[in-house]
Amino acid sequence: MEESRADAIARAILQPDLKAREELRRKRAKEASWLVEKRKVAWLALIGFAVGAAAAIYGGERFTNGALWGSLSGGAIGWLWIGWRSWRGAA
């Protein structure tokens, strides 16, 4: 077998086909978009933490209780927002 033919066969075996590459690209894009959505929830939880802590301080409650409930509320709002957008997009 000549050298160029052997190289062509080796390349064909080792390189993934276009369908596999496209599937991998879609998977990575989906994972990246999911990471963006999770970061949005984290930001909303952080904002809720600050708002809850401030409300607790000015309301005469314990700082930790306000921060905890604010963070939980912000995270819940974030997950509901993502769920609503997904549901609205699927319809």
PDB file of N, CA and C in Angstrom:
ATOM      1  N   MET A   1       0.857  -1.176   0.000  1.00  0.00           N
ATOM      2  CA  MET A   1       0.000   0.000   0.000  1.00  0.00           C
ATOM      3  C   MET A   1       0.899   1.234   0.000  1.00  0.00           C
ATOM      4  N   GLU A   2       0.565   2.182  -0.819  1.00  0.00           N
ATOM      5  CA  GLU A   2       1.393   3.369  -0.898  1.00  0.00           C
ATOM      6  C   GLU A   2       1.153   4.288   0.298  1.00  0.00           C
ATOM      7  N   GLU A   3       2.107   5.177   0.528  1.00  0.00           N
ATOM      8  CA  GLU A   3       2.122   6.023   1.719  1.00  0.00           C
ATOM      9  C   GLU A   3       0.899   6.948   1.801  1.00  0.00           C
ATOM     10  N   SER A   4       0.555   7.615   0.736  1.00  0.00           N
ATOM     11  CA  SER A   4      -0.558   8.569   0.777  1.00  0.00           C
ATOM     12  C   SER A   4      -1.889   7.860   1.015  1.00  0.00           C
ATOM     13  N   ARG A   5      -2.038   6.676   0.469  1.00  0.00           N
ATOM     14  CA  ARG A   5      -3.281   5.920   0.675  1.00  0.00           C
ATOM     15  C   ARG A   5      -3.399   5.471   2.136  1.00  0.00           C
ATOM     16  N   ALA A   6      -2.300   5.058   2.734  1.00  0.00           N
ATOM     17  CA  ALA A   6      -2.288   4.659   4.142  1.00  0.00           C
ATOM     18  C   ALA A   6      -2.616   5.856   5.038  1.00  0.00           C
ATOM     19  N   ASP A   7      -2.062   7.006   4.702  1.00  0.00           N
ATOM     20  CA  ASP A   7      -2.359   8.213   5.482  1.00  0.00           C
ATOM     21  C   ASP A   7      -3.832   8.588   5.366  1.00  0.00           C
ATOM     22  N   ALA A   8      -4.391   8.475   4.176  1.00  0.00           N
ATOM     23  CA  ALA A   8      -5.803   8.796   3.981  1.00  0.00           C
ATOM     24  C   ALA A   8      -6.697   7.864   4.786  1.00  0.00           C
ATOM     25  N   ILE A   9      -6.381   6.596   4.811  1.00  0.00           N
ATOM     26  CA  ILE A   9      -7.169   5.626   5.585  1.00  0.00           C
ATOM     27  C   ILE A   9      -7.045   5.917   7.078  1.00  0.00           C
ATOM     28  N   ALA A  10      -5.853   6.215   7.541  1.00  0.00           N
ATOM     29  CA  ALA A  10      -5.643   6.523   8.958  1.00  0.00           C
ATOM     30  C   ALA A  10      -6.404   7.777   9.365  1.00  0.00           C
ATOM     31  N   ARG A  11      -6.365   8.811   8.513  1.00  0.00           N
ATOM     32  CA  ARG A  11      -7.106  10.035   8.801  1.00  0.00           C
ATOM     33  C   ARG A  11      -8.599   9.779   8.844  1.00  0.00           C
ATOM     34  N   ALA A  12      -9.097   8.974   7.932  1.00  0.00           N
ATOM     35  CA  ALA A  12     -10.530   8.670   7.895  1.00  0.00           C
ATOM     36  C   ALA A  12     -10.973   7.917   9.146  1.00  0.00           C
ATOM     37  N   ILE A  13     -10.120   7.067   9.647  1.00  0.00           N
ATOM     38  CA  ILE A  13     -10.464   6.301  10.851  1.00  0.00           C
ATOM     39  C   ILE A  13     -10.368   7.168  12.100  1.00  0.00           C
ATOM     40  N   LEU A  14      -9.347   7.991  12.190  1.00  0.00           N
ATOM     41  CA  LEU A  14      -9.098   8.761  13.396  1.00  0.00           C
ATOM     42  C   LEU A  14      -9.957  10.016  13.515  1.00  0.00           C
ATOM     43  N   GLN A  15     -10.319  10.637  12.425  1.00  0.00           N
ATOM     44  CA  GLN A  15     -11.112  11.850  12.483  1.00  0.00           C
ATOM     45  C   GLN A  15     -12.594  11.496  12.619  1.00  0.00           C
ATOM     46  N   PRO A  16     -13.287  12.151  13.536  1.00  0.00           N
ATOM     47  CA  PRO A  16     -14.721  11.885  13.665  1.00  0.00           C
ATOM     48  C   PRO A  16     -15.472  12.434  12.446  1.00  0.00           C
ATOM     49  N   ASP A  17     -16.569  11.805  12.134  1.00  0.00           N
ATOM     50  CA  ASP A  17     -17.327  12.258  10.977  1.00  0.00           C
ATOM     51  C   ASP A  17     -18.072  13.559  11.305  1.00  0.00           C
ATOM     52  N   LEU A  18     -18.643  14.155  10.283  1.00  0.00           N
ATOM     53  CA  LEU A  18     -19.307  15.448  10.456  1.00  0.00           C
ATOM     54  C   LEU A  18     -20.484  15.363  11.418  1.00  0.00           C
ATOM     55  N   LYS A  19     -21.214  14.283  11.384  1.00  0.00           N
ATOM     56  CA  LYS A  19     -22.379  14.131  12.258  1.00  0.00           C
ATOM     57  C   LYS A  19     -21.956  14.088  13.722  1.00  0.00           C
ATOM     58  N   ALA A  20     -20.904  13.367  14.015  1.00  0.00           N
ATOM     59  CA  ALA A  20     -20.403  13.280  15.396  1.00  0.00           C
ATOM     60  C   ALA A  20     -19.871  14.627  15.859  1.00  0.00           C
ATOM     61  N   ARG A  21     -19.175  15.338  14.982  1.00  0.00           N
ATOM     62  CA  ARG A  21     -18.667  16.663  15.341  1.00  0.00           C
ATOM     63  C   ARG A  21     -19.803  17.637  15.616  1.00  0.00           C
ATOM     64  N   GLU A  22     -20.844  17.592  14.775  1.00  0.00           N
ATOM     65  CA  GLU A  22     -21.992  18.479  14.964  1.00  0.00           C
ATOM     66  C   GLU A  22     -22.726  18.149  16.265  1.00  0.00           C
ATOM     67  N   GLU A  23     -22.850  16.880  16.570  1.00  0.00           N
ATOM     68  CA  GLU A  23     -23.496  16.472  17.818  1.00  0.00           C
ATOM     69  C   GLU A  23     -22.686  16.948  19.027  1.00  0.00           C
ATOM     70  N   LEU A  24     -21.384  16.846  18.964  1.00  0.00           N
ATOM     71  CA  LEU A  24     -20.522  17.314  20.041  1.00  0.00           C
ATOM     72  C   LEU A  24     -20.627  18.829  20.187  1.00  0.00           C
ATOM     73  N   ARG A  25     -20.660  19.544  19.065  1.00  0.00           N
ATOM     74  CA  ARG A  25     -20.794  21.000  19.104  1.00  0.00           C
ATOM     75  C   ARG A  25     -22.105  21.407  19.753  1.00  0.00           C
ATOM     76  N   ARG A  26     -23.208  20.709  19.396  1.00  0.00           N
ATOM     77  CA  ARG A  26     -24.510  21.006  20.002  1.00  0.00           C
ATOM     78  C   ARG A  26     -24.509  20.732  21.504  1.00  0.00           C
ATOM     79  N   LYS A  27     -23.874  19.637  21.896  1.00  0.00           N
ATOM     80  CA  LYS A  27     -23.814  19.282  23.311  1.00  0.00           C
ATOM     81  C   LYS A  27     -23.057  20.345  24.098  1.00  0.00           C
ATOM     82  N   ARG A  28     -21.934  20.789  23.560  1.00  0.00           N
ATOM     83  CA  ARG A  28     -21.145  21.814  24.238  1.00  0.00           C
ATOM     84  C   ARG A  28     -21.888  23.144  24.297  1.00  0.00           C
ATOM     85  N   ALA A  29     -22.607  23.490  23.241  1.00  0.00           N
ATOM     86  CA  ALA A  29     -23.384  24.726  23.235  1.00  0.00           C
ATOM     87  C   ALA A  29     -24.506  24.659  24.274  1.00  0.00           C
ATOM     88  N   LYS A  30     -25.141  23.504  24.389  1.00  0.00           N
ATOM     89  CA  LYS A  30     -26.213  23.338  25.377  1.00  0.00           C
ATOM     90  C   LYS A  30     -25.656  23.447  26.796  1.00  0.00           C
ATOM     91  N   GLU A  31     -24.501  22.823  27.043  1.00  0.00           N
ATOM     92  CA  GLU A  31     -23.866  22.916  28.359  1.00  0.00           C
ATOM     93  C   GLU A  31     -23.471  24.356  28.678  1.00  0.00           C
ATOM     94  N   ALA A  32     -22.987  25.082  27.691  1.00  0.00           N
ATOM     95  CA  ALA A  32     -22.592  26.477  27.905  1.00  0.00           C
ATOM     96  C   ALA A  32     -23.803  27.342  28.217  1.00  0.00           C
ATOM     97  N   SER A  33     -24.909  27.125  27.513  1.00  0.00           N
ATOM     98  CA  SER A  33     -26.109  27.917  27.791  1.00  0.00           C
ATOM     99  C   SER A  33     -26.684  27.571  29.165  1.00  0.00           C
ATOM    100  N   TRP A  34     -26.588  26.296  29.570  1.00  0.00           N
ATOM    101  CA  TRP A  34     -27.063  25.907  30.892  1.00  0.00           C
ATOM    102  C   TRP A  34     -26.210  26.568  31.977  1.00  0.00           C
ATOM    103  N   LEU A  35     -24.908  26.669  31.745  1.00  0.00           N
ATOM    104  CA  LEU A  35     -24.027  27.338  32.694  1.00  0.00           C
ATOM    105  C   LEU A  35     -24.392  28.814  32.830  1.00  0.00           C
ATOM    106  N   VAL A  36     -24.740  29.456  31.734  1.00  0.00           N
ATOM    107  CA  VAL A  36     -25.163  30.856  31.767  1.00  0.00           C
ATOM    108  C   VAL A  36     -26.424  30.999  32.613  1.00  0.00           C
ATOM    109  N   GLU A  37     -27.368  30.074  32.436  1.00  0.00           N
ATOM    110  CA  GLU A  37     -28.615  30.132  33.206  1.00  0.00           C
ATOM    111  C   GLU A  37     -28.342  29.943  34.695  1.00  0.00           C
ATOM    112  N   LYS A  38     -27.468  29.021  35.046  1.00  0.00           N
ATOM    113  CA  LYS A  38     -27.146  28.807  36.460  1.00  0.00           C
ATOM    114  C   LYS A  38     -26.452  30.024  37.061  1.00  0.00           C
ATOM    115  N   ARG A  39     -25.650  30.703  36.267  1.00  0.00           N
ATOM    116  CA  ARG A  39     -25.004  31.922  36.765  1.00  0.00           C
ATOM    117  C   ARG A  39     -26.021  33.025  37.009  1.00  0.00           C
ATOM    118  N   LYS A  40     -27.059  33.097  36.192  1.00  0.00           N
ATOM    119  CA  LYS A  40     -28.124  34.077  36.418  1.00  0.00           C
ATOM    120  C   LYS A  40     -28.808  33.807  37.753  1.00  0.00           C
ATOM    121  N   VAL A  41     -29.068  32.545  38.050  1.00  0.00           N
ATOM    122  CA  VAL A  41     -29.686  32.190  39.324  1.00  0.00           C
ATOM    123  C   VAL A  41     -28.765  32.572  40.475  1.00  0.00           C
ATOM    124  N   ALA A  42     -27.475  32.335  40.324  1.00  0.00           N
ATOM    125  CA  ALA A  42     -26.520  32.689  41.376  1.00  0.00           C
ATOM    126  C   ALA A  42     -26.501  34.198  41.618  1.00  0.00           C
ATOM    127  N   TRP A  43     -26.551  34.975  40.539  1.00  0.00           N
ATOM    128  CA  TRP A  43     -26.588  36.432  40.699  1.00  0.00           C
ATOM    129  C   TRP A  43     -27.855  36.879  41.402  1.00  0.00           C
ATOM    130  N   LEU A  44     -28.979  36.298  41.044  1.00  0.00           N
ATOM    131  CA  LEU A  44     -30.223  36.671  41.706  1.00  0.00           C
ATOM    132  C   LEU A  44     -30.209  36.274  43.185  1.00  0.00           C
ATOM    133  N   ALA A  45     -29.611  35.137  43.501  1.00  0.00           N
ATOM    134  CA  ALA A  45     -29.486  34.730  44.900  1.00  0.00           C
ATOM    135  C   ALA A  45     -28.577  35.698  45.659  1.00  0.00           C
ATOM    136  N   LEU A  46     -27.515  36.150  45.021  1.00  0.00           N
ATOM    137  CA  LEU A  46     -26.611  37.103  45.661  1.00  0.00           C
ATOM    138  C   LEU A  46     -27.304  38.447  45.896  1.00  0.00           C
ATOM    139  N   ILE A  47     -28.063  38.890  44.930  1.00  0.00           N
ATOM    140  CA  ILE A  47     -28.825  40.135  45.090  1.00  0.00           C
ATOM    141  C   ILE A  47     -29.860  39.965  46.195  1.00  0.00           C
ATOM    142  N   GLY A  48     -30.532  38.817  46.221  1.00  0.00           N
ATOM    143  CA  GLY A  48     -31.501  38.541  47.282  1.00  0.00           C
ATOM    144  C   GLY A  48     -30.840  38.514  48.652  1.00  0.00           C
ATOM    145  N   PHE A  49     -29.625  37.976  48.705  1.00  0.00           N
ATOM    146  CA  PHE A  49     -28.866  37.966  49.957  1.00  0.00           C
ATOM    147  C   PHE A  49     -28.688  39.391  50.475  1.00  0.00           C
ATOM    148  N   ALA A  50     -28.243  40.282  49.613  1.00  0.00           N
ATOM    149  CA  ALA A  50     -28.003  41.669  50.027  1.00  0.00           C
ATOM    150  C   ALA A  50     -29.296  42.369  50.424  1.00  0.00           C
ATOM    151  N   VAL A  51     -30.337  42.188  49.641  1.00  0.00           N
ATOM    152  CA  VAL A  51     -31.619  42.827  49.945  1.00  0.00           C
ATOM    153  C   VAL A  51     -32.189  42.282  51.255  1.00  0.00           C
ATOM    154  N   GLY A  52     -32.133  40.971  51.422  1.00  0.00           N
ATOM    155  CA  GLY A  52     -32.646  40.366  52.652  1.00  0.00           C
ATOM    156  C   GLY A  52     -31.860  40.806  53.878  1.00  0.00           C
ATOM    157  N   ALA A  53     -30.541  40.902  53.749  1.00  0.00           N
ATOM    158  CA  ALA A  53     -29.712  41.343  54.871  1.00  0.00           C
ATOM    159  C   ALA A  53     -30.020  42.791  55.228  1.00  0.00           C
ATOM    160  N   ALA A  54     -30.152  43.633  54.225  1.00  0.00           N
ATOM    161  CA  ALA A  54     -30.471  45.039  54.475  1.00  0.00           C
ATOM    162  C   ALA A  54     -31.852  45.183  55.111  1.00  0.00           C
ATOM    163  N   ALA A  55     -32.810  44.427  54.615  1.00  0.00           N
ATOM    164  CA  ALA A  55     -34.156  44.486  55.184  1.00  0.00           C
ATOM    165  C   ALA A  55     -34.152  44.003  56.633  1.00  0.00           C
ATOM    166  N   ALA A  56     -33.366  42.987  56.926  1.00  0.00           N
ATOM    167  CA  ALA A  56     -33.298  42.482  58.303  1.00  0.00           C
ATOM    168  C   ALA A  56     -32.654  43.502  59.233  1.00  0.00           C
ATOM    169  N   ILE A  57     -31.606  44.154  58.774  1.00  0.00           N
ATOM    170  CA  ILE A  57     -30.931  45.142  59.616  1.00  0.00           C
ATOM    171  C   ILE A  57     -31.872  46.301  59.928  1.00  0.00           C
ATOM    172  N   TYR A  58     -32.536  46.802  58.895  1.00  0.00           N
ATOM    173  CA  TYR A  58     -33.436  47.936  59.109  1.00  0.00           C
ATOM    174  C   TYR A  58     -34.748  47.531  59.765  1.00  0.00           C
ATOM    175  N   GLY A  59     -35.078  46.265  59.698  1.00  0.00           N
ATOM    176  CA  GLY A  59     -36.310  45.790  60.315  1.00  0.00           C
ATOM    177  C   GLY A  59     -36.126  45.303  61.739  1.00  0.00           C
ATOM    178  N   GLY A  60     -34.897  45.300  62.228  1.00  0.00           N
ATOM    179  CA  GLY A  60     -34.644  44.895  63.593  1.00  0.00           C
ATOM    180  C   GLY A  60     -34.551  43.382  63.777  1.00  0.00           C
ATOM    181  N   GLU A  61     -34.373  42.647  62.695  1.00  0.00           N
ATOM    182  CA  GLU A  61     -34.233  41.186  62.788  1.00  0.00           C
ATOM    183  C   GLU A  61     -32.765  40.807  62.732  1.00  0.00           C
ATOM    184  N   ARG A  62     -32.505  39.517  62.852  1.00  0.00           N
ATOM    185  CA  ARG A  62     -31.122  39.042  62.771  1.00  0.00           C
ATOM    186  C   ARG A  62     -30.639  39.097  61.324  1.00  0.00           C
ATOM    187  N   PHE A  63     -29.392  39.496  61.157  1.00  0.00           N
ATOM    188  CA  PHE A  63     -28.766  39.615  59.842  1.00  0.00           C
ATOM    189  C   PHE A  63     -28.796  38.280  59.093  1.00  0.00           C
ATOM    190  N   THR A  64     -28.455  37.197  59.783  1.00  0.00           N
ATOM    191  CA  THR A  64     -28.354  35.894  59.123  1.00  0.00           C
ATOM    192  C   THR A  64     -29.699  35.411  58.621  1.00  0.00           C
ATOM    193  N   ASN A  65     -30.754  35.641  59.400  1.00  0.00           N
ATOM    194  CA  ASN A  65     -32.094  35.230  58.943  1.00  0.00           C
ATOM    195  C   ASN A  65     -32.503  35.988  57.680  1.00  0.00           C
ATOM    196  N   GLY A  66     -32.278  37.273  57.681  1.00  0.00           N
ATOM    197  CA  GLY A  66     -32.625  38.072  56.506  1.00  0.00           C
ATOM    198  C   GLY A  66     -31.811  37.674  55.291  1.00  0.00           C
ATOM    199  N   ALA A  67     -30.517  37.445  55.499  1.00  0.00           N
ATOM    200  CA  ALA A  67     -29.648  37.058  54.387  1.00  0.00           C
ATOM    201  C   ALA A  67     -30.047  35.696  53.839  1.00  0.00           C
ATOM    202  N   LEU A  68     -30.350  34.764  54.729  1.00  0.00           N
ATOM    203  CA  LEU A  68     -30.747  33.426  54.298  1.00  0.00           C
ATOM    204  C   LEU A  68     -32.053  33.464  53.505  1.00  0.00           C
ATOM    205  N   TRP A  69     -33.054  34.114  54.058  1.00  0.00           N
ATOM    206  CA  TRP A  69     -34.351  34.157  53.362  1.00  0.00           C
ATOM    207  C   TRP A  69     -34.279  34.962  52.071  1.00  0.00           C
ATOM    208  N   GLY A  70     -33.482  36.010  52.061  1.00  0.00           N
ATOM    209  CA  GLY A  70     -33.307  36.781  50.832  1.00  0.00           C
ATOM    210  C   GLY A  70     -32.623  35.968  49.746  1.00  0.00           C
ATOM    211  N   SER A  71     -31.606  35.213  50.141  1.00  0.00           N
ATOM    212  CA  SER A  71     -30.883  34.378  49.183  1.00  0.00           C
ATOM    213  C   SER A  71     -31.779  33.266  48.639  1.00  0.00           C
ATOM    214  N   LEU A  72     -32.516  32.615  49.532  1.00  0.00           N
ATOM    215  CA  LEU A  72     -33.442  31.571  49.081  1.00  0.00           C
ATOM    216  C   LEU A  72     -34.521  32.133  48.159  1.00  0.00           C
ATOM    217  N   SER A  73     -35.031  33.292  48.504  1.00  0.00           N
ATOM    218  CA  SER A  73     -36.052  33.919  47.656  1.00  0.00           C
ATOM    219  C   SER A  73     -35.493  34.297  46.291  1.00  0.00           C
ATOM    220  N   GLY A  74     -34.306  34.876  46.280  1.00  0.00           N
ATOM    221  CA  GLY A  74     -33.678  35.243  45.009  1.00  0.00           C
ATOM    222  C   GLY A  74     -33.407  34.029  44.138  1.00  0.00           C
ATOM    223  N   GLY A  75     -32.923  32.949  44.737  1.00  0.00           N
ATOM    224  CA  GLY A  75     -32.684  31.718  43.982  1.00  0.00           C
ATOM    225  C   GLY A  75     -33.969  31.117  43.446  1.00  0.00           C
ATOM    226  N   ALA A  76     -35.012  31.118  44.272  1.00  0.00           N
ATOM    227  CA  ALA A  76     -36.305  30.592  43.824  1.00  0.00           C
ATOM    228  C   ALA A  76     -36.864  31.420  42.675  1.00  0.00           C
ATOM    229  N   ILE A  77     -36.747  32.715  42.779  1.00  0.00           N
ATOM    230  CA  ILE A  77     -37.214  33.585  41.691  1.00  0.00           C
ATOM    231  C   ILE A  77     -36.418  33.296  40.416  1.00  0.00           C
ATOM    232  N   GLY A  78     -35.110  33.086  40.548  1.00  0.00           N
ATOM    233  CA  GLY A  78     -34.279  32.768  39.385  1.00  0.00           C
ATOM    234  C   GLY A  78     -34.698  31.476  38.718  1.00  0.00           C
ATOM    235  N   TRP A  79     -34.921  30.426  39.510  1.00  0.00           N
ATOM    236  CA  TRP A  79     -35.337  29.146  38.926  1.00  0.00           C
ATOM    237  C   TRP A  79     -36.717  29.247  38.298  1.00  0.00           C
ATOM    238  N   LEU A  80     -37.618  29.998  38.930  1.00  0.00           N
ATOM    239  CA  LEU A  80     -38.947  30.184  38.331  1.00  0.00           C
ATOM    240  C   LEU A  80     -38.847  30.960  37.020  1.00  0.00           C
ATOM    241  N   TRP A  81     -37.982  31.949  36.984  1.00  0.00           N
ATOM    242  CA  TRP A  81     -37.783  32.739  35.774  1.00  0.00           C
ATOM    243  C   TRP A  81     -37.264  31.861  34.631  1.00  0.00           C
ATOM    244  N   ILE A  82     -36.270  31.025  34.929  1.00  0.00           N
ATOM    245  CA  ILE A  82     -35.721  30.126  33.913  1.00  0.00           C
ATOM    246  C   ILE A  82     -36.775  29.123  33.459  1.00  0.00           C
ATOM    247  N   GLY A  83     -37.520  28.566  34.409  1.00  0.00           N
ATOM    248  CA  GLY A  83     -38.579  27.620  34.064  1.00  0.00           C
ATOM    249  C   GLY A  83     -39.657  28.255  33.214  1.00  0.00           C
ATOM    250  N   TRP A  84     -40.023  29.492  33.539  1.00  0.00           N
ATOM    251  CA  TRP A  84     -41.058  30.184  32.763  1.00  0.00           C
ATOM    252  C   TRP A  84     -40.572  30.469  31.348  1.00  0.00           C
ATOM    253  N   ARG A  85     -39.320  30.872  31.223  1.00  0.00           N
ATOM    254  CA  ARG A  85     -38.778  31.136  29.885  1.00  0.00           C
ATOM    255  C   ARG A  85     -38.695  29.868  29.072  1.00  0.00           C
ATOM    256  N   SER A  86     -38.317  28.755  29.705  1.00  0.00           N
ATOM    257  CA  SER A  86     -38.244  27.473  28.986  1.00  0.00           C
ATOM    258  C   SER A  86     -39.635  27.026  28.569  1.00  0.00           C
ATOM    259  N   TRP A  87     -40.579  27.169  29.462  1.00  0.00           N
ATOM    260  CA  TRP A  87     -41.949  26.755  29.159  1.00  0.00           C
ATOM    261  C   TRP A  87     -42.549  27.602  28.047  1.00  0.00           C
ATOM    262  N   ARG A  88     -42.315  28.911  28.113  1.00  0.00           N
ATOM    263  CA  ARG A  88     -42.835  29.826  27.115  1.00  0.00           C
ATOM    264  C   ARG A  88     -42.192  29.556  25.755  1.00  0.00           C
ATOM    265  N   GLY A  89     -40.910  29.220  25.754  1.00  0.00           N
ATOM    266  CA  GLY A  89     -40.211  28.934  24.505  1.00  0.00           C
ATOM    267  C   GLY A  89     -40.633  27.621  23.874  1.00  0.00           C
ATOM    268  N   ALA A  90     -41.059  26.656  24.713  1.00  0.00           N
ATOM    269  CA  ALA A  90     -41.454  25.343  24.199  1.00  0.00           C
ATOM    270  C   ALA A  90     -42.857  25.369  23.613  1.00  0.00           C
ATOM    271  N   ALA A  91     -43.686  26.304  24.045  1.00  0.00           N
ATOM    272  CA  ALA A  91     -45.073  26.332  23.569  1.00  0.00           C
ATOM    273  C   ALA A  91     -45.200  26.883  22.183  1.00  0.00           C
TER     274      ALA A  91
END
